[in-house]
PDB file of N, CA and C in Angstrom:
ATOM      1  N   UNK A   1       4.249  16.264  21.942  1.00  0.00           N
ATOM      2  CA  UNK A   1       4.456  14.868  22.252  1.00  0.00           C
ATOM      3  C   UNK A   1       5.950  14.638  22.473  1.00  0.00           C
ATOM      4  N   UNK A   2       6.260  13.856  23.456  1.00  0.00           N
ATOM      5  CA  UNK A   2       7.647  13.540  23.790  1.00  0.00           C
ATOM      6  C   UNK A   2       8.046  12.254  23.069  1.00  0.00           C
ATOM      7  N   UNK A   3       9.348  12.068  22.863  1.00  0.00           N
ATOM      8  CA  UNK A   3       9.826  10.849  22.216  1.00  0.00           C
ATOM      9  C   UNK A   3       9.525   9.616  23.062  1.00  0.00           C
ATOM     10  N   UNK A   4       9.403   9.780  24.365  1.00  0.00           N
ATOM     11  CA  UNK A   4       9.059   8.655  25.233  1.00  0.00           C
ATOM     12  C   UNK A   4       7.608   8.227  25.063  1.00  0.00           C
ATOM     13  N   UNK A   5       6.803   9.035  24.388  1.00  0.00           N
ATOM     14  CA  UNK A   5       5.376   8.752  24.215  1.00  0.00           C
ATOM     15  C   UNK A   5       5.085   7.944  22.951  1.00  0.00           C
ATOM     16  N   UNK A   6       6.045   7.164  22.495  1.00  0.00           N
ATOM     17  CA  UNK A   6       5.789   6.297  21.358  1.00  0.00           C
ATOM     18  C   UNK A   6       6.350   6.781  20.042  1.00  0.00           C
ATOM     19  N   UNK A   7       7.179   7.788  20.044  1.00  0.00           N
ATOM     20  CA  UNK A   7       7.802   8.250  18.810  1.00  0.00           C
ATOM     21  C   UNK A   7       9.205   7.667  18.733  1.00  0.00           C
ATOM     22  N   UNK A   8       9.557   7.145  17.566  1.00  0.00           N
ATOM     23  CA  UNK A   8      10.876   6.566  17.365  1.00  0.00           C
ATOM     24  C   UNK A   8      11.690   7.478  16.460  1.00  0.00           C
ATOM     25  N   UNK A   9      12.897   7.699  16.801  1.00  0.00           N
ATOM     26  CA  UNK A   9      13.812   8.446  15.933  1.00  0.00           C
ATOM     27  C   UNK A   9      14.709   7.431  15.262  1.00  0.00           C
ATOM     28  N   UNK A  10      14.939   7.594  13.968  1.00  0.00           N
ATOM     29  CA  UNK A  10      15.763   6.641  13.234  1.00  0.00           C
ATOM     30  C   UNK A  10      16.612   7.366  12.201  1.00  0.00           C
ATOM     31  N   UNK A  11      17.626   6.703  11.721  1.00  0.00           N
ATOM     32  CA  UNK A  11      18.497   7.239  10.678  1.00  0.00           C
ATOM     33  C   UNK A  11      18.272   6.390   9.426  1.00  0.00           C
ATOM     34  N   UNK A  12      18.101   7.067   8.297  1.00  0.00           N
ATOM     35  CA  UNK A  12      17.883   6.379   7.032  1.00  0.00           C
ATOM     36  C   UNK A  12      18.946   6.849   6.048  1.00  0.00           C
ATOM     37  N   UNK A  13      19.645   5.917   5.432  1.00  0.00           N
ATOM     38  CA  UNK A  13      20.638   6.253   4.410  1.00  0.00           C
ATOM     39  C   UNK A  13      19.963   6.287   3.049  1.00  0.00           C
ATOM     40  N   UNK A  14      20.059   7.425   2.373  1.00  0.00           N
ATOM     41  CA  UNK A  14      19.447   7.586   1.057  1.00  0.00           C
ATOM     42  C   UNK A  14      20.508   8.007   0.052  1.00  0.00           C
ATOM     43  N   UNK A  15      20.414   7.523  -1.174  1.00  0.00           N
ATOM     44  CA  UNK A  15      21.344   7.985  -2.214  1.00  0.00           C
ATOM     45  C   UNK A  15      21.094   9.464  -2.518  1.00  0.00           C
ATOM     46  N   UNK A  16      22.112  10.126  -3.023  1.00  0.00           N
ATOM     47  CA  UNK A  16      22.031  11.561  -3.301  1.00  0.00           C
ATOM     48  C   UNK A  16      20.831  11.930  -4.173  1.00  0.00           C
ATOM     49  N   UNK A  17      20.510  11.075  -5.160  1.00  0.00           N
ATOM     50  CA  UNK A  17      19.391  11.387  -6.060  1.00  0.00           C
ATOM     51  C   UNK A  17      18.072  11.426  -5.292  1.00  0.00           C
ATOM     52  N   UNK A  18      17.903  10.508  -4.345  1.00  0.00           N
ATOM     53  CA  UNK A  18      16.671  10.483  -3.557  1.00  0.00           C
ATOM     54  C   UNK A  18      16.613  11.665  -2.601  1.00  0.00           C
ATOM     55  N   UNK A  19      17.746  12.038  -2.044  1.00  0.00           N
ATOM     56  CA  UNK A  19      17.773  13.206  -1.148  1.00  0.00           C
ATOM     57  C   UNK A  19      17.372  14.454  -1.926  1.00  0.00           C
ATOM     58  N   UNK A  20      17.916  14.619  -3.132  1.00  0.00           N
ATOM     59  CA  UNK A  20      17.582  15.786  -3.957  1.00  0.00           C
ATOM     60  C   UNK A  20      16.097  15.788  -4.318  1.00  0.00           C
ATOM     61  N   UNK A  21      15.574  14.629  -4.712  1.00  0.00           N
ATOM     62  CA  UNK A  21      14.154  14.546  -5.071  1.00  0.00           C
ATOM     63  C   UNK A  21      13.273  14.800  -3.857  1.00  0.00           C
ATOM     64  N   UNK A  22      13.665  14.260  -2.716  1.00  0.00           N
ATOM     65  CA  UNK A  22      12.907  14.472  -1.477  1.00  0.00           C
ATOM     66  C   UNK A  22      12.912  15.942  -1.088  1.00  0.00           C
ATOM     67  N   UNK A  23      14.058  16.582  -1.215  1.00  0.00           N
ATOM     68  CA  UNK A  23      14.173  18.008  -0.890  1.00  0.00           C
ATOM     69  C   UNK A  23      13.244  18.837  -1.768  1.00  0.00           C
ATOM     70  N   UNK A  24      13.218  18.547  -3.061  1.00  0.00           N
ATOM     71  CA  UNK A  24      12.330  19.262  -3.985  1.00  0.00           C
ATOM     72  C   UNK A  24      10.863  19.040  -3.642  1.00  0.00           C
ATOM     73  N   UNK A  25      10.510  17.781  -3.364  1.00  0.00           N
ATOM     74  CA  UNK A  25       9.141  17.458  -3.004  1.00  0.00           C
ATOM     75  C   UNK A  25       8.715  18.210  -1.748  1.00  0.00           C
ATOM     76  N   UNK A  26       9.576  18.194  -0.751  1.00  0.00           N
ATOM     77  CA  UNK A  26       9.260  18.870   0.519  1.00  0.00           C
ATOM     78  C   UNK A  26       9.130  20.374   0.334  1.00  0.00           C
ATOM     79  N   UNK A  27       9.999  20.929  -0.459  1.00  0.00           N
ATOM     80  CA  UNK A  27       9.943  22.367  -0.737  1.00  0.00           C
ATOM     81  C   UNK A  27       8.627  22.710  -1.435  1.00  0.00           C
ATOM     82  N   UNK A  28       8.236  21.900  -2.414  1.00  0.00           N
ATOM     83  CA  UNK A  28       7.000  22.154  -3.172  1.00  0.00           C
ATOM     84  C   UNK A  28       5.763  22.018  -2.297  1.00  0.00           C
ATOM     85  N   UNK A  29       5.789  21.048  -1.362  1.00  0.00           N
ATOM     86  CA  UNK A  29       4.625  20.806  -0.516  1.00  0.00           C
ATOM     87  C   UNK A  29       4.672  21.569   0.805  1.00  0.00           C
ATOM     88  N   UNK A  30       5.795  22.207   1.081  1.00  0.00           N
ATOM     89  CA  UNK A  30       5.917  22.975   2.320  1.00  0.00           C
ATOM     90  C   UNK A  30       5.933  22.100   3.561  1.00  0.00           C
ATOM     91  N   UNK A  31       6.566  20.934   3.455  1.00  0.00           N
ATOM     92  CA  UNK A  31       6.644  20.015   4.589  1.00  0.00           C
ATOM     93  C   UNK A  31       8.104  19.647   4.862  1.00  0.00           C
ATOM     94  N   UNK A  32       8.343  19.117   6.039  1.00  0.00           N
ATOM     95  CA  UNK A  32       9.690  18.678   6.395  1.00  0.00           C
ATOM     96  C   UNK A  32       9.984  17.316   5.780  1.00  0.00           C
ATOM     97  N   UNK A  33      11.260  16.964   5.750  1.00  0.00           N
ATOM     98  CA  UNK A  33      11.630  15.636   5.273  1.00  0.00           C
ATOM     99  C   UNK A  33      11.015  14.566   6.170  1.00  0.00           C
ATOM    100  N   UNK A  34      11.025  14.815   7.467  1.00  0.00           N
ATOM    101  CA  UNK A  34      10.455  13.850   8.410  1.00  0.00           C
ATOM    102  C   UNK A  34       8.974  13.627   8.117  1.00  0.00           C
ATOM    103  N   UNK A  35       8.253  14.707   7.832  1.00  0.00           N
ATOM    104  CA  UNK A  35       6.828  14.570   7.523  1.00  0.00           C
ATOM    105  C   UNK A  35       6.630  13.796   6.227  1.00  0.00           C
ATOM    106  N   UNK A  36       7.471  14.057   5.241  1.00  0.00           N
ATOM    107  CA  UNK A  36       7.376  13.327   3.978  1.00  0.00           C
ATOM    108  C   UNK A  36       7.613  11.836   4.193  1.00  0.00           C
ATOM    109  N   UNK A  37       8.583  11.500   5.026  1.00  0.00           N
ATOM    110  CA  UNK A  37       8.877  10.098   5.311  1.00  0.00           C
ATOM    111  C   UNK A  37       7.719   9.454   6.077  1.00  0.00           C
ATOM    112  N   UNK A  38       7.138  10.187   7.023  1.00  0.00           N
ATOM    113  CA  UNK A  38       5.985   9.641   7.763  1.00  0.00           C
ATOM    114  C   UNK A  38       4.821   9.367   6.830  1.00  0.00           C
ATOM    115  N   UNK A  39       4.560  10.302   5.914  1.00  0.00           N
ATOM    116  CA  UNK A  39       3.462  10.116   4.963  1.00  0.00           C
ATOM    117  C   UNK A  39       3.726   8.931   4.036  1.00  0.00           C
ATOM    118  N   UNK A  40       4.956   8.805   3.569  1.00  0.00           N
ATOM    119  CA  UNK A  40       5.296   7.692   2.674  1.00  0.00           C
ATOM    120  C   UNK A  40       5.128   6.355   3.388  1.00  0.00           C
ATOM    121  N   UNK A  41       5.578   6.285   4.630  1.00  0.00           N
ATOM    122  CA  UNK A  41       5.449   5.049   5.400  1.00  0.00           C
ATOM    123  C   UNK A  41       3.979   4.727   5.672  1.00  0.00           C
ATOM    124  N   UNK A  42       3.201   5.746   6.017  1.00  0.00           N
ATOM    125  CA  UNK A  42       1.773   5.538   6.274  1.00  0.00           C
ATOM    126  C   UNK A  42       1.080   4.996   5.030  1.00  0.00           C
ATOM    127  N   UNK A  43       1.421   5.531   3.864  1.00  0.00           N
ATOM    128  CA  UNK A  43       0.817   5.063   2.611  1.00  0.00           C
ATOM    129  C   UNK A  43       1.233   3.622   2.313  1.00  0.00           C
ATOM    130  N   UNK A  44       2.489   3.310   2.548  1.00  0.00           N
ATOM    131  CA  UNK A  44       2.963   1.956   2.311  1.00  0.00           C
ATOM    132  C   UNK A  44       2.272   0.968   3.242  1.00  0.00           C
ATOM    133  N   UNK A  45       2.134   1.326   4.500  1.00  0.00           N
ATOM    134  CA  UNK A  45       1.481   0.445   5.463  1.00  0.00           C
ATOM    135  C   UNK A  45      -0.004   0.292   5.165  1.00  0.00           C
ATOM    136  N   UNK A  46      -0.640   1.351   4.709  1.00  0.00           N
ATOM    137  CA  UNK A  46      -2.058   1.273   4.335  1.00  0.00           C
ATOM    138  C   UNK A  46      -2.231   0.314   3.172  1.00  0.00           C
ATOM    139  N   UNK A  47      -1.307   0.314   2.239  1.00  0.00           N
ATOM    140  CA  UNK A  47      -1.352  -0.611   1.118  1.00  0.00           C
ATOM    141  C   UNK A  47      -1.213  -2.046   1.567  1.00  0.00           C
ATOM    142  N   UNK A  48      -0.409  -2.282   2.578  1.00  0.00           N
ATOM    143  CA  UNK A  48      -0.244  -3.627   3.118  1.00  0.00           C
ATOM    144  C   UNK A  48      -1.535  -4.118   3.765  1.00  0.00           C
ATOM    145  N   UNK A  49      -2.239  -3.235   4.438  1.00  0.00           N
ATOM    146  CA  UNK A  49      -3.476  -3.624   5.125  1.00  0.00           C
ATOM    147  C   UNK A  49      -4.573  -3.980   4.141  1.00  0.00           C
ATOM    148  N   UNK A  50      -4.530  -3.422   2.937  1.00  0.00           N
ATOM    149  CA  UNK A  50      -5.591  -3.696   1.972  1.00  0.00           C
ATOM    150  C   UNK A  50      -5.171  -4.757   0.960  1.00  0.00           C
ATOM    151  N   UNK A  51      -4.136  -5.507   1.270  1.00  0.00           N
ATOM    152  CA  UNK A  51      -3.669  -6.490   0.302  1.00  0.00           C
ATOM    153  C   UNK A  51      -4.474  -7.787   0.347  1.00  0.00           C
ATOM    154  N   UNK A  52      -5.491  -7.866   1.176  1.00  0.00           N
ATOM    155  CA  UNK A  52      -6.328  -9.057   1.263  1.00  0.00           C
ATOM    156  C   UNK A  52      -7.475  -9.010   0.287  1.00  0.00           C
ATOM    157  N   UNK A  53      -8.678  -9.227   0.805  1.00  0.00           N
ATOM    158  CA  UNK A  53      -9.887  -9.260  -0.034  1.00  0.00           C
ATOM    159  C   UNK A  53     -10.064  -7.990  -0.843  1.00  0.00           C
ATOM    160  N   UNK A  54      -9.765  -6.850  -0.221  1.00  0.00           N
ATOM    161  CA  UNK A  54     -10.011  -5.572  -0.883  1.00  0.00           C
ATOM    162  C   UNK A  54      -9.226  -5.436  -2.171  1.00  0.00           C
ATOM    163  N   UNK A  55      -8.045  -6.053  -2.232  1.00  0.00           N
ATOM    164  CA  UNK A  55      -7.210  -5.896  -3.418  1.00  0.00           C
ATOM    165  C   UNK A  55      -7.772  -6.636  -4.627  1.00  0.00           C
ATOM    166  N   UNK A  56      -8.656  -7.608  -4.414  1.00  0.00           N
ATOM    167  CA  UNK A  56      -9.227  -8.355  -5.532  1.00  0.00           C
ATOM    168  C   UNK A  56     -10.717  -8.097  -5.707  1.00  0.00           C
ATOM    169  N   UNK A  57     -11.273  -7.209  -4.922  1.00  0.00           N
ATOM    170  CA  UNK A  57     -12.692  -6.894  -5.028  1.00  0.00           C
ATOM    171  C   UNK A  57     -12.985  -6.410  -6.443  1.00  0.00           C
ATOM    172  N   UNK A  58     -13.983  -6.996  -7.066  1.00  0.00           N
ATOM    173  CA  UNK A  58     -14.362  -6.598  -8.423  1.00  0.00           C
ATOM    174  C   UNK A  58     -13.554  -7.290  -9.509  1.00  0.00           C
ATOM    175  N   UNK A  59     -12.738  -8.277  -9.147  1.00  0.00           N
ATOM    176  CA  UNK A  59     -11.899  -8.951 -10.134  1.00  0.00           C
ATOM    177  C   UNK A  59     -12.722  -9.671 -11.200  1.00  0.00           C
ATOM    178  N   UNK A  60     -13.940 -10.059 -10.877  1.00  0.00           N
ATOM    179  CA  UNK A  60     -14.788 -10.793 -11.802  1.00  0.00           C
ATOM    180  C   UNK A  60     -15.520  -9.855 -12.762  1.00  0.00           C
ATOM    181  N   UNK A  61     -15.517  -8.558 -12.450  1.00  0.00           N
ATOM    182  CA  UNK A  61     -16.253  -7.582 -13.251  1.00  0.00           C
ATOM    183  C   UNK A  61     -15.808  -7.625 -14.716  1.00  0.00           C
ATOM    184  N   UNK A  62     -16.767  -7.602 -15.587  1.00  0.00           N
ATOM    185  CA  UNK A  62     -16.474  -7.575 -17.013  1.00  0.00           C
ATOM    186  C   UNK A  62     -16.363  -8.950 -17.651  1.00  0.00           C
ATOM    187  N   UNK A  63     -16.374  -9.993 -16.864  1.00  0.00           N
ATOM    188  CA  UNK A  63     -16.330 -11.340 -17.441  1.00  0.00           C
ATOM    189  C   UNK A  63     -17.722 -11.737 -17.921  1.00  0.00           C
ATOM    190  N   UNK A  64     -17.766 -12.474 -18.977  1.00  0.00           N
ATOM    191  CA  UNK A  64     -19.047 -12.892 -19.555  1.00  0.00           C
ATOM    192  C   UNK A  64     -19.579 -14.154 -18.875  1.00  0.00           C
ATOM    193  N   UNK A  65     -18.743 -14.880 -18.191  1.00  0.00           N
ATOM    194  CA  UNK A  65     -19.112 -16.126 -17.538  1.00  0.00           C
ATOM    195  C   UNK A  65     -19.819 -15.842 -16.215  1.00  0.00           C
ATOM    196  N   UNK A  66     -20.899 -16.547 -15.948  1.00  0.00           N
ATOM    197  CA  UNK A  66     -21.625 -16.426 -14.689  1.00  0.00           C
ATOM    198  C   UNK A  66     -20.766 -17.034 -13.579  1.00  0.00           C
ATOM    199  N   UNK A  67     -20.473 -16.279 -12.553  1.00  0.00           N
ATOM    200  CA  UNK A  67     -19.571 -16.752 -11.494  1.00  0.00           C
ATOM    201  C   UNK A  67     -20.138 -17.959 -10.754  1.00  0.00           C
ATOM    202  N   UNK A  68     -21.436 -17.994 -10.513  1.00  0.00           N
ATOM    203  CA  UNK A  68     -22.043 -19.130  -9.811  1.00  0.00           C
ATOM    204  C   UNK A  68     -21.890 -20.402 -10.635  1.00  0.00           C
ATOM    205  N   UNK A  69     -22.105 -20.312 -11.944  1.00  0.00           N
ATOM    206  CA  UNK A  69     -21.936 -21.470 -12.816  1.00  0.00           C
ATOM    207  C   UNK A  69     -20.475 -21.929 -12.818  1.00  0.00           C
ATOM    208  N   UNK A  70     -19.580 -20.974 -12.830  1.00  0.00           N
ATOM    209  CA  UNK A  70     -18.160 -21.295 -12.829  1.00  0.00           C
ATOM    210  C   UNK A  70     -17.778 -22.060 -11.564  1.00  0.00           C
ATOM    211  N   UNK A  71     -18.245 -21.591 -10.415  1.00  0.00           N
ATOM    212  CA  UNK A  71     -17.943 -22.253  -9.146  1.00  0.00           C
ATOM    213  C   UNK A  71     -18.529 -23.662  -9.138  1.00  0.00           C
ATOM    214  N   UNK A  72     -19.759 -23.799  -9.632  1.00  0.00           N
ATOM    215  CA  UNK A  72     -20.370 -25.139  -9.709  1.00  0.00           C
ATOM    216  C   UNK A  72     -19.540 -26.076 -10.575  1.00  0.00           C
ATOM    217  N   UNK A  73     -19.048 -25.573 -11.694  1.00  0.00           N
ATOM    218  CA  UNK A  73     -18.243 -26.420 -12.584  1.00  0.00           C
ATOM    219  C   UNK A  73     -16.940 -26.839 -11.909  1.00  0.00           C
ATOM    220  N   UNK A  74     -16.359 -25.964 -11.127  1.00  0.00           N
ATOM    221  CA  UNK A  74     -15.150 -26.329 -10.380  1.00  0.00           C
ATOM    222  C   UNK A  74     -15.450 -27.410  -9.356  1.00  0.00           C
ATOM    223  N   UNK A  75     -16.546 -27.251  -8.665  1.00  0.00           N
ATOM    224  CA  UNK A  75     -16.921 -28.238  -7.647  1.00  0.00           C
ATOM    225  C   UNK A  75     -17.236 -29.593  -8.275  1.00  0.00           C
ATOM    226  N   UNK A  76     -17.826 -29.569  -9.473  1.00  0.00           N
ATOM    227  CA  UNK A  76     -18.110 -30.825 -10.156  1.00  0.00           C
ATOM    228  C   UNK A  76     -16.819 -31.563 -10.500  1.00  0.00           C
ATOM    229  N   UNK A  77     -15.766 -30.823 -10.810  1.00  0.00           N
ATOM    230  CA  UNK A  77     -14.474 -31.450 -11.094  1.00  0.00           C
ATOM    231  C   UNK A  77     -13.956 -32.189  -9.872  1.00  0.00           C
ATOM    232  N   UNK A  78     -14.190 -31.661  -8.681  1.00  0.00           N
ATOM    233  CA  UNK A  78     -13.698 -32.273  -7.453  1.00  0.00           C
ATOM    234  C   UNK A  78     -14.420 -33.584  -7.161  1.00  0.00           C
ATOM    235  N   UNK A  79     -15.669 -33.677  -7.620  1.00  0.00           N
ATOM    236  CA  UNK A  79     -16.478 -34.853  -7.328  1.00  0.00           C
ATOM    237  C   UNK A  79     -16.161 -36.018  -8.269  1.00  0.00           C
ATOM    238  N   UNK A  80     -15.425 -35.759  -9.327  1.00  0.00           N
ATOM    239  CA  UNK A  80     -15.111 -36.804 -10.313  1.00  0.00           C
ATOM    240  C   UNK A  80     -14.034 -37.722  -9.798  1.00  0.00           C
TER     241      UNK A  80
END
């Protein structure tokens, strides 16, 4: 793939501690720094995409209160 085909080259300034940690991680995983950065960005962006409904799915689990009754009680407050 050519850089004209949608690949962006960028410069990132990292503190020495992060460079050392990144180097160790890449060495352990057998990947380049660029690949590590791509994977980190992909994971961060995936987290952003699931920050909607998916992030709260199952939030009611374990509660003793019936959710339908709870919603009805909230709606009754609005009618007062």
